[in-house]
């Protein structure tokens, strides 16, 4: 099975995006998937997408535009108010990938 490449985005591109990335890796691992994550802030998204291939974007900060890959708002995961909803949306996006 191919590795799922996830771009994790938060306001500063460090602490929150790293925490979300770790949670995403754990969730995907629990479902039998391998994941590689990269963290950045909203200003770095376009450059990373131009230079690397990603399958999914998870974010806690608003993105500058819409992208041609699944984007999932991770605020519910961050706050703990909708972890299950986030995980359902993540798994739905993964199942939609051609792996």
PDB file of N, CA and C in Angstrom:
ATOM      1  N   UNK A   1       0.847  -1.180   0.000  1.00  0.00           N
ATOM      2  CA  UNK A   1       0.000   0.000   0.000  1.00  0.00           C
ATOM      3  C   UNK A   1       0.891   1.242   0.000  1.00  0.00           C
ATOM      4  N   UNK A   2       0.511   2.222  -0.773  1.00  0.00           N
ATOM      5  CA  UNK A   2       1.240   3.473  -0.890  1.00  0.00           C
ATOM      6  C   UNK A   2       1.092   4.307   0.378  1.00  0.00           C
ATOM      7  N   UNK A   3       2.114   5.073   0.705  1.00  0.00           N
ATOM      8  CA  UNK A   3       2.069   5.981   1.846  1.00  0.00           C
ATOM      9  C   UNK A   3       1.149   7.149   1.533  1.00  0.00           C
ATOM     10  N   UNK A   4       0.346   7.543   2.501  1.00  0.00           N
ATOM     11  CA  UNK A   4      -0.545   8.695   2.360  1.00  0.00           C
ATOM     12  C   UNK A   4       0.218   9.927   2.822  1.00  0.00           C
ATOM     13  N   UNK A   5       0.339  10.900   1.937  1.00  0.00           N
ATOM     14  CA  UNK A   5       1.074  12.134   2.226  1.00  0.00           C
ATOM     15  C   UNK A   5       0.107  13.215   2.670  1.00  0.00           C
ATOM     16  N   UNK A   6       0.302  13.689   3.894  1.00  0.00           N
ATOM     17  CA  UNK A   6      -0.615  14.639   4.520  1.00  0.00           C
ATOM     18  C   UNK A   6       0.121  15.944   4.799  1.00  0.00           C
ATOM     19  N   UNK A   7      -0.475  17.048   4.396  1.00  0.00           N
ATOM     20  CA  UNK A   7       0.034  18.379   4.712  1.00  0.00           C
ATOM     21  C   UNK A   7      -0.793  18.924   5.864  1.00  0.00           C
ATOM     22  N   UNK A   8      -0.137  19.240   6.974  1.00  0.00           N
ATOM     23  CA  UNK A   8      -0.805  19.732   8.175  1.00  0.00           C
ATOM     24  C   UNK A   8      -0.500  21.218   8.326  1.00  0.00           C
ATOM     25  N   UNK A   9      -1.544  22.046   8.406  1.00  0.00           N
ATOM     26  CA  UNK A   9      -1.390  23.497   8.368  1.00  0.00           C
ATOM     27  C   UNK A   9      -1.979  24.135   9.628  1.00  0.00           C
ATOM     28  N   UNK A  10      -1.174  25.007  10.267  1.00  0.00           N
ATOM     29  CA  UNK A  10      -1.673  25.837  11.362  1.00  0.00           C
ATOM     30  C   UNK A  10      -1.096  27.234  11.190  1.00  0.00           C
ATOM     31  N   UNK A  11      -1.492  28.142  12.034  1.00  0.00           N
ATOM     32  CA  UNK A  11      -1.086  29.540  11.900  1.00  0.00           C
ATOM     33  C   UNK A  11       0.408  29.766  11.867  1.00  0.00           C
ATOM     34  N   UNK A  12       1.156  29.075  12.719  1.00  0.00           N
ATOM     35  CA  UNK A  12       2.605  29.275  12.764  1.00  0.00           C
ATOM     36  C   UNK A  12       3.362  28.196  12.011  1.00  0.00           C
ATOM     37  N   UNK A  13       2.717  27.075  11.743  1.00  0.00           N
ATOM     38  CA  UNK A  13       3.373  25.977  11.036  1.00  0.00           C
ATOM     39  C   UNK A  13       4.238  25.127  11.927  1.00  0.00           C
ATOM     40  N   UNK A  14       4.002  25.191  13.240  1.00  0.00           N
ATOM     41  CA  UNK A  14       4.858  24.394  14.116  1.00  0.00           C
ATOM     42  C   UNK A  14       4.060  23.577  15.129  1.00  0.00           C
ATOM     43  N   UNK A  15       3.741  24.114  16.270  1.00  0.00           N
ATOM     44  CA  UNK A  15       3.216  23.316  17.379  1.00  0.00           C
ATOM     45  C   UNK A  15       1.877  22.663  17.060  1.00  0.00           C
ATOM     46  N   UNK A  16       0.888  23.437  16.686  1.00  0.00           N
ATOM     47  CA  UNK A  16      -0.435  22.872  16.444  1.00  0.00           C
ATOM     48  C   UNK A  16      -0.421  21.926  15.252  1.00  0.00           C
ATOM     49  N   UNK A  17       0.245  22.315  14.182  1.00  0.00           N
ATOM     50  CA  UNK A  17       0.277  21.434  13.006  1.00  0.00           C
ATOM     51  C   UNK A  17       1.017  20.133  13.318  1.00  0.00           C
ATOM     52  N   UNK A  18       2.031  20.190  14.169  1.00  0.00           N
ATOM     53  CA  UNK A  18       2.737  18.970  14.572  1.00  0.00           C
ATOM     54  C   UNK A  18       1.840  18.065  15.399  1.00  0.00           C
ATOM     55  N   UNK A  19       1.066  18.657  16.302  1.00  0.00           N
ATOM     56  CA  UNK A  19       0.152  17.870  17.119  1.00  0.00           C
ATOM     57  C   UNK A  19      -0.924  17.207  16.249  1.00  0.00           C
ATOM     58  N   UNK A  20      -1.502  17.967  15.345  1.00  0.00           N
ATOM     59  CA  UNK A  20      -2.526  17.434  14.442  1.00  0.00           C
ATOM     60  C   UNK A  20      -1.916  16.338  13.564  1.00  0.00           C
ATOM     61  N   UNK A  21      -0.711  16.575  13.049  1.00  0.00           N
ATOM     62  CA  UNK A  21      -0.040  15.577  12.201  1.00  0.00           C
ATOM     63  C   UNK A  21       0.161  14.272  12.962  1.00  0.00           C
ATOM     64  N   UNK A  22       0.572  14.363  14.218  1.00  0.00           N
ATOM     65  CA  UNK A  22       0.762  13.157  15.021  1.00  0.00           C
ATOM     66  C   UNK A  22      -0.538  12.401  15.215  1.00  0.00           C
ATOM     67  N   UNK A  23      -1.618  13.125  15.474  1.00  0.00           N
ATOM     68  CA  UNK A  23      -2.934  12.490  15.621  1.00  0.00           C
ATOM     69  C   UNK A  23      -3.378  11.826  14.325  1.00  0.00           C
ATOM     70  N   UNK A  24      -3.131  12.485  13.208  1.00  0.00           N
ATOM     71  CA  UNK A  24      -3.505  11.920  11.908  1.00  0.00           C
ATOM     72  C   UNK A  24      -2.708  10.643  11.643  1.00  0.00           C
ATOM     73  N   UNK A  25      -1.411  10.680  11.898  1.00  0.00           N
ATOM     74  CA  UNK A  25      -0.594   9.474  11.703  1.00  0.00           C
ATOM     75  C   UNK A  25      -1.120   8.327  12.559  1.00  0.00           C
ATOM     76  N   UNK A  26      -1.459   8.617  13.823  1.00  0.00           N
ATOM     77  CA  UNK A  26      -1.992   7.577  14.719  1.00  0.00           C
ATOM     78  C   UNK A  26      -3.312   7.027  14.200  1.00  0.00           C
ATOM     79  N   UNK A  27      -4.209   7.908  13.776  1.00  0.00           N
ATOM     80  CA  UNK A  27      -5.515   7.471  13.266  1.00  0.00           C
ATOM     81  C   UNK A  27      -5.339   6.574  12.040  1.00  0.00           C
ATOM     82  N   UNK A  28      -4.478   6.991  11.129  1.00  0.00           N
ATOM     83  CA  UNK A  28      -4.271   6.214   9.908  1.00  0.00           C
ATOM     84  C   UNK A  28      -3.574   4.895  10.219  1.00  0.00           C
ATOM     85  N   UNK A  29      -2.627   4.914  11.142  1.00  0.00           N
ATOM     86  CA  UNK A  29      -1.952   3.688  11.550  1.00  0.00           C
ATOM     87  C   UNK A  29      -2.944   2.696  12.143  1.00  0.00           C
ATOM     88  N   UNK A  30      -3.869   3.191  12.954  1.00  0.00           N
ATOM     89  CA  UNK A  30      -4.891   2.326  13.554  1.00  0.00           C
ATOM     90  C   UNK A  30      -5.756   1.640  12.506  1.00  0.00           C
ATOM     91  N   UNK A  31      -5.866   2.265  11.325  1.00  0.00           N
ATOM     92  CA  UNK A  31      -6.674   1.704  10.237  1.00  0.00           C
ATOM     93  C   UNK A  31      -5.831   0.940   9.225  1.00  0.00           C
ATOM     94  N   UNK A  32      -4.532   0.775   9.522  1.00  0.00           N
ATOM     95  CA  UNK A  32      -3.669  -0.013   8.651  1.00  0.00           C
ATOM     96  C   UNK A  32      -2.992   0.764   7.533  1.00  0.00           C
ATOM     97  N   UNK A  33      -2.997   2.080   7.612  1.00  0.00           N
ATOM     98  CA  UNK A  33      -2.362   2.907   6.584  1.00  0.00           C
ATOM     99  C   UNK A  33      -1.049   3.471   7.110  1.00  0.00           C
ATOM    100  N   UNK A  34      -0.118   3.712   6.201  1.00  0.00           N
ATOM    101  CA  UNK A  34       1.104   4.430   6.534  1.00  0.00           C
ATOM    102  C   UNK A  34       0.911   5.871   6.109  1.00  0.00           C
ATOM    103  N   UNK A  35       1.406   6.796   6.918  1.00  0.00           N
ATOM    104  CA  UNK A  35       1.269   8.215   6.587  1.00  0.00           C
ATOM    105  C   UNK A  35       2.579   8.929   6.795  1.00  0.00           C
ATOM    106  N   UNK A  36       2.825   9.877   5.916  1.00  0.00           N
ATOM    107  CA  UNK A  36       3.945  10.793   6.071  1.00  0.00           C
ATOM    108  C   UNK A  36       3.339  12.185   6.139  1.00  0.00           C
ATOM    109  N   UNK A  37       3.780  12.978   7.105  1.00  0.00           N
ATOM    110  CA  UNK A  37       3.211  14.307   7.281  1.00  0.00           C
ATOM    111  C   UNK A  37       4.280  15.377   7.159  1.00  0.00           C
ATOM    112  N   UNK A  38       3.846  16.539   6.688  1.00  0.00           N
ATOM    113  CA  UNK A  38       4.686  17.732   6.627  1.00  0.00           C
ATOM    114  C   UNK A  38       3.848  18.855   7.221  1.00  0.00           C
ATOM    115  N   UNK A  39       4.482  19.690   8.049  1.00  0.00           N
ATOM    116  CA  UNK A  39       3.775  20.785   8.695  1.00  0.00           C
ATOM    117  C   UNK A  39       4.202  22.115   8.092  1.00  0.00           C
ATOM    118  N   UNK A  40       3.246  23.052   8.011  1.00  0.00           N
ATOM    119  CA  UNK A  40       3.557  24.390   7.516  1.00  0.00           C
ATOM    120  C   UNK A  40       2.488  25.378   7.975  1.00  0.00           C
ATOM    121  N   UNK A  41       2.712  26.652   7.668  1.00  0.00           N
ATOM    122  CA  UNK A  41       1.692  27.672   7.908  1.00  0.00           C
ATOM    123  C   UNK A  41       0.972  27.953   6.591  1.00  0.00           C
ATOM    124  N   UNK A  42      -0.124  28.706   6.612  1.00  0.00           N
ATOM    125  CA  UNK A  42      -0.885  28.933   5.371  1.00  0.00           C
ATOM    126  C   UNK A  42      -0.060  29.544   4.237  1.00  0.00           C
ATOM    127  N   UNK A  43       0.940  30.348   4.566  1.00  0.00           N
ATOM    128  CA  UNK A  43       1.766  30.957   3.516  1.00  0.00           C
ATOM    129  C   UNK A  43       2.659  29.952   2.804  1.00  0.00           C
ATOM    130  N   UNK A  44       2.907  28.801   3.398  1.00  0.00           N
ATOM    131  CA  UNK A  44       3.782  27.808   2.795  1.00  0.00           C
ATOM    132  C   UNK A  44       3.087  26.745   1.976  1.00  0.00           C
ATOM    133  N   UNK A  45       1.759  26.739   1.986  1.00  0.00           N
ATOM    134  CA  UNK A  45       1.012  25.669   1.323  1.00  0.00           C
ATOM    135  C   UNK A  45       1.286  25.625  -0.178  1.00  0.00           C
ATOM    136  N   UNK A  46       1.154  26.746  -0.852  1.00  0.00           N
ATOM    137  CA  UNK A  46       1.311  26.750  -2.311  1.00  0.00           C
ATOM    138  C   UNK A  46       2.697  26.277  -2.738  1.00  0.00           C
ATOM    139  N   UNK A  47       3.731  26.719  -2.037  1.00  0.00           N
ATOM    140  CA  UNK A  47       5.094  26.304  -2.387  1.00  0.00           C
ATOM    141  C   UNK A  47       5.285  24.805  -2.174  1.00  0.00           C
ATOM    142  N   UNK A  48       4.787  24.286  -1.060  1.00  0.00           N
ATOM    143  CA  UNK A  48       4.915  22.846  -0.818  1.00  0.00           C
ATOM    144  C   UNK A  48       4.156  22.041  -1.859  1.00  0.00           C
ATOM    145  N   UNK A  49       2.954  22.488  -2.212  1.00  0.00           N
ATOM    146  CA  UNK A  49       2.174  21.768  -3.223  1.00  0.00           C
ATOM    147  C   UNK A  49       2.833  21.821  -4.595  1.00  0.00           C
ATOM    148  N   UNK A  50       3.574  22.871  -4.864  1.00  0.00           N
ATOM    149  CA  UNK A  50       4.260  22.986  -6.153  1.00  0.00           C
ATOM    150  C   UNK A  50       5.473  22.063  -6.229  1.00  0.00           C
ATOM    151  N   UNK A  51       6.030  21.706  -5.079  1.00  0.00           N
ATOM    152  CA  UNK A  51       7.268  20.939  -5.061  1.00  0.00           C
ATOM    153  C   UNK A  51       7.127  19.497  -4.594  1.00  0.00           C
ATOM    154  N   UNK A  52       5.990  19.149  -4.030  1.00  0.00           N
ATOM    155  CA  UNK A  52       5.776  17.795  -3.514  1.00  0.00           C
ATOM    156  C   UNK A  52       4.345  17.382  -3.791  1.00  0.00           C
ATOM    157  N   UNK A  53       4.129  16.097  -3.741  1.00  0.00           N
ATOM    158  CA  UNK A  53       2.773  15.578  -3.945  1.00  0.00           C
ATOM    159  C   UNK A  53       2.158  15.229  -2.589  1.00  0.00           C
ATOM    160  N   UNK A  54       0.972  15.776  -2.346  1.00  0.00           N
ATOM    161  CA  UNK A  54       0.224  15.485  -1.128  1.00  0.00           C
ATOM    162  C   UNK A  54      -1.132  14.912  -1.515  1.00  0.00           C
ATOM    163  N   UNK A  55      -1.680  14.108  -0.616  1.00  0.00           N
ATOM    164  CA  UNK A  55      -2.982  13.490  -0.848  1.00  0.00           C
ATOM    165  C   UNK A  55      -4.106  14.225  -0.129  1.00  0.00           C
ATOM    166  N   UNK A  56      -3.792  14.777   1.042  1.00  0.00           N
ATOM    167  CA  UNK A  56      -4.796  15.396   1.907  1.00  0.00           C
ATOM    168  C   UNK A  56      -4.164  16.579   2.623  1.00  0.00           C
ATOM    169  N   UNK A  57      -4.958  17.624   2.833  1.00  0.00           N
ATOM    170  CA  UNK A  57      -4.548  18.742   3.686  1.00  0.00           C
ATOM    171  C   UNK A  57      -5.458  18.742   4.912  1.00  0.00           C
ATOM    172  N   UNK A  58      -4.850  18.798   6.099  1.00  0.00           N
ATOM    173  CA  UNK A  58      -5.602  19.016   7.334  1.00  0.00           C
ATOM    174  C   UNK A  58      -5.173  20.378   7.856  1.00  0.00           C
ATOM    175  N   UNK A  59      -6.123  21.165   8.372  1.00  0.00           N
ATOM    176  CA  UNK A  59      -5.768  22.537   8.742  1.00  0.00           C
ATOM    177  C   UNK A  59      -6.575  23.032   9.939  1.00  0.00           C
ATOM    178  N   UNK A  60      -5.924  23.907  10.710  1.00  0.00           N
ATOM    179  CA  UNK A  60      -6.617  24.588  11.806  1.00  0.00           C
ATOM    180  C   UNK A  60      -6.708  26.079  11.540  1.00  0.00           C
ATOM    181  N   UNK A  61      -5.992  26.563  10.550  1.00  0.00           N
ATOM    182  CA  UNK A  61      -6.051  27.961  10.124  1.00  0.00           C
ATOM    183  C   UNK A  61      -6.691  28.014   8.746  1.00  0.00           C
ATOM    184  N   UNK A  62      -7.337  29.120   8.422  1.00  0.00           N
ATOM    185  CA  UNK A  62      -7.927  29.235   7.085  1.00  0.00           C
ATOM    186  C   UNK A  62      -6.863  29.130   6.009  1.00  0.00           C
ATOM    187  N   UNK A  63      -7.212  28.448   4.933  1.00  0.00           N
ATOM    188  CA  UNK A  63      -6.315  28.338   3.783  1.00  0.00           C
ATOM    189  C   UNK A  63      -6.544  29.526   2.859  1.00  0.00           C
ATOM    190  N   UNK A  64      -5.542  29.870   2.084  1.00  0.00           N
ATOM    191  CA  UNK A  64      -5.628  31.047   1.221  1.00  0.00           C
ATOM    192  C   UNK A  64      -6.550  30.867   0.018  1.00  0.00           C
ATOM    193  N   UNK A  65      -6.771  29.612  -0.370  1.00  0.00           N
ATOM    194  CA  UNK A  65      -7.653  29.335  -1.507  1.00  0.00           C
ATOM    195  C   UNK A  65      -8.116  27.882  -1.423  1.00  0.00           C
ATOM    196  N   UNK A  66      -8.891  27.465  -2.401  1.00  0.00           N
ATOM    197  CA  UNK A  66      -9.316  26.072  -2.471  1.00  0.00           C
ATOM    198  C   UNK A  66      -8.288  25.285  -3.267  1.00  0.00           C
ATOM    199  N   UNK A  67      -8.161  24.009  -2.936  1.00  0.00           N
ATOM    200  CA  UNK A  67      -7.170  23.158  -3.593  1.00  0.00           C
ATOM    201  C   UNK A  67      -7.857  21.943  -4.197  1.00  0.00           C
ATOM    202  N   UNK A  68      -7.186  21.313  -5.153  1.00  0.00           N
ATOM    203  CA  UNK A  68      -7.740  20.158  -5.863  1.00  0.00           C
ATOM    204  C   UNK A  68      -7.432  18.845  -5.152  1.00  0.00           C
ATOM    205  N   UNK A  69      -7.450  18.865  -3.848  1.00  0.00           N
ATOM    206  CA  UNK A  69      -7.302  17.655  -3.054  1.00  0.00           C
ATOM    207  C   UNK A  69      -8.123  17.841  -1.784  1.00  0.00           C
ATOM    208  N   UNK A  70      -8.455  16.746  -1.130  1.00  0.00           N
ATOM    209  CA  UNK A  70      -9.297  16.861   0.057  1.00  0.00           C
ATOM    210  C   UNK A  70      -8.652  17.750   1.123  1.00  0.00           C
ATOM    211  N   UNK A  71      -9.428  18.682   1.646  1.00  0.00           N
ATOM    212  CA  UNK A  71      -8.990  19.524   2.755  1.00  0.00           C
ATOM    213  C   UNK A  71      -9.957  19.317   3.905  1.00  0.00           C
ATOM    214  N   UNK A  72      -9.398  19.088   5.085  1.00  0.00           N
ATOM    215  CA  UNK A  72     -10.224  18.776   6.243  1.00  0.00           C
ATOM    216  C   UNK A  72      -9.895  19.751   7.361  1.00  0.00           C
ATOM    217  N   UNK A  73     -10.916  20.426   7.857  1.00  0.00           N
ATOM    218  CA  UNK A  73     -10.757  21.338   8.976  1.00  0.00           C
ATOM    219  C   UNK A  73     -10.552  20.514  10.243  1.00  0.00           C
ATOM    220  N   UNK A  74      -9.452  20.779  10.943  1.00  0.00           N
ATOM    221  CA  UNK A  74      -9.077  19.981  12.112  1.00  0.00           C
ATOM    222  C   UNK A  74      -9.361  20.686  13.435  1.00  0.00           C
ATOM    223  N   UNK A  75     -10.137  21.756  13.426  1.00  0.00           N
ATOM    224  CA  UNK A  75     -10.440  22.473  14.668  1.00  0.00           C
ATOM    225  C   UNK A  75     -11.122  21.551  15.677  1.00  0.00           C
ATOM    226  N   UNK A  76     -12.051  20.718  15.235  1.00  0.00           N
ATOM    227  CA  UNK A  76     -12.736  19.800  16.142  1.00  0.00           C
ATOM    228  C   UNK A  76     -11.785  18.805  16.782  1.00  0.00           C
ATOM    229  N   UNK A  77     -10.764  18.405  16.063  1.00  0.00           N
ATOM    230  CA  UNK A  77      -9.748  17.518  16.614  1.00  0.00           C
ATOM    231  C   UNK A  77      -8.899  18.280  17.629  1.00  0.00           C
ATOM    232  N   UNK A  78      -8.551  19.506  17.303  1.00  0.00           N
ATOM    233  CA  UNK A  78      -7.725  20.329  18.176  1.00  0.00           C
ATOM    234  C   UNK A  78      -8.430  20.618  19.505  1.00  0.00           C
ATOM    235  N   UNK A  79      -9.698  20.971  19.432  1.00  0.00           N
ATOM    236  CA  UNK A  79     -10.433  21.347  20.640  1.00  0.00           C
ATOM    237  C   UNK A  79     -11.024  20.153  21.379  1.00  0.00           C
ATOM    238  N   UNK A  80     -11.076  19.010  20.710  1.00  0.00           N
ATOM    239  CA  UNK A  80     -11.669  17.826  21.322  1.00  0.00           C
ATOM    240  C   UNK A  80     -13.182  17.800  21.235  1.00  0.00           C
ATOM    241  N   UNK A  81     -13.768  18.733  20.486  1.00  0.00           N
ATOM    242  CA  UNK A  81     -15.228  18.803  20.394  1.00  0.00           C
ATOM    243  C   UNK A  81     -15.810  17.910  19.314  1.00  0.00           C
ATOM    244  N   UNK A  82     -14.979  17.484  18.348  1.00  0.00           N
ATOM    245  CA  UNK A  82     -15.496  16.638  17.272  1.00  0.00           C
ATOM    246  C   UNK A  82     -14.399  15.744  16.705  1.00  0.00           C
ATOM    247  N   UNK A  83     -13.720  15.028  17.581  1.00  0.00           N
ATOM    248  CA  UNK A  83     -12.658  14.125  17.134  1.00  0.00           C
ATOM    249  C   UNK A  83     -13.217  13.033  16.229  1.00  0.00           C
ATOM    250  N   UNK A  84     -14.373  12.495  16.582  1.00  0.00           N
ATOM    251  CA  UNK A  84     -14.972  11.429  15.770  1.00  0.00           C
ATOM    252  C   UNK A  84     -15.357  11.935  14.397  1.00  0.00           C
ATOM    253  N   UNK A  85     -15.911  13.136  14.322  1.00  0.00           N
ATOM    254  CA  UNK A  85     -16.274  13.712  13.029  1.00  0.00           C
ATOM    255  C   UNK A  85     -15.066  13.936  12.152  1.00  0.00           C
ATOM    256  N   UNK A  86     -13.977  14.413  12.763  1.00  0.00           N
ATOM    257  CA  UNK A  86     -12.742  14.599  12.008  1.00  0.00           C
ATOM    258  C   UNK A  86     -12.241  13.267  11.475  1.00  0.00           C
ATOM    259  N   UNK A  87     -12.214  12.251  12.345  1.00  0.00           N
ATOM    260  CA  UNK A  87     -11.707  10.947  11.925  1.00  0.00           C
ATOM    261  C   UNK A  87     -12.574  10.349  10.827  1.00  0.00           C
ATOM    262  N   UNK A  88     -13.875  10.510  10.908  1.00  0.00           N
ATOM    263  CA  UNK A  88     -14.767  10.013   9.847  1.00  0.00           C
ATOM    264  C   UNK A  88     -14.462  10.705   8.525  1.00  0.00           C
ATOM    265  N   UNK A  89     -14.280  12.027   8.576  1.00  0.00           N
ATOM    266  CA  UNK A  89     -13.987  12.775   7.352  1.00  0.00           C
ATOM    267  C   UNK A  89     -12.623  12.378   6.789  1.00  0.00           C
ATOM    268  N   UNK A  90     -11.645  12.174   7.665  1.00  0.00           N
ATOM    269  CA  UNK A  90     -10.326  11.735   7.240  1.00  0.00           C
ATOM    270  C   UNK A  90     -10.397  10.381   6.541  1.00  0.00           C
ATOM    271  N   UNK A  91     -11.077   9.437   7.163  1.00  0.00           N
ATOM    272  CA  UNK A  91     -11.148   8.091   6.586  1.00  0.00           C
ATOM    273  C   UNK A  91     -11.936   8.097   5.277  1.00  0.00           C
ATOM    274  N   UNK A  92     -12.958   8.911   5.183  1.00  0.00           N
ATOM    275  CA  UNK A  92     -13.714   9.035   3.925  1.00  0.00           C
ATOM    276  C   UNK A  92     -12.797   9.561   2.824  1.00  0.00           C
ATOM    277  N   UNK A  93     -11.977  10.559   3.151  1.00  0.00           N
ATOM    278  CA  UNK A  93     -11.050  11.118   2.165  1.00  0.00           C
ATOM    279  C   UNK A  93     -10.017  10.072   1.744  1.00  0.00           C
ATOM    280  N   UNK A  94      -9.501   9.309   2.702  1.00  0.00           N
ATOM    281  CA  UNK A  94      -8.511   8.269   2.392  1.00  0.00           C
ATOM    282  C   UNK A  94      -9.120   7.202   1.494  1.00  0.00           C
ATOM    283  N   UNK A  95     -10.327   6.801   1.785  1.00  0.00           N
ATOM    284  CA  UNK A  95     -10.990   5.771   0.964  1.00  0.00           C
ATOM    285  C   UNK A  95     -11.236   6.257  -0.455  1.00  0.00           C
ATOM    286  N   UNK A  96     -11.319   7.575  -0.649  1.00  0.00           N
ATOM    287  CA  UNK A  96     -11.515   8.149  -1.976  1.00  0.00           C
ATOM    288  C   UNK A  96     -10.242   8.274  -2.790  1.00  0.00           C
ATOM    289  N   UNK A  97      -9.098   8.006  -2.161  1.00  0.00           N
ATOM    290  CA  UNK A  97      -7.817   8.079  -2.871  1.00  0.00           C
ATOM    291  C   UNK A  97      -7.590   6.836  -3.696  1.00  0.00           C
ATOM    292  N   UNK A  98      -6.860   6.967  -4.790  1.00  0.00           N
ATOM    293  CA  UNK A  98      -6.495   5.778  -5.567  1.00  0.00           C
ATOM    294  C   UNK A  98      -5.163   5.266  -5.035  1.00  0.00           C
ATOM    295  N   UNK A  99      -5.258   4.303  -4.131  1.00  0.00           N
ATOM    296  CA  UNK A  99      -4.053   3.769  -3.478  1.00  0.00           C
ATOM    297  C   UNK A  99      -3.588   2.504  -4.151  1.00  0.00           C
TER     298      UNK A  99
END
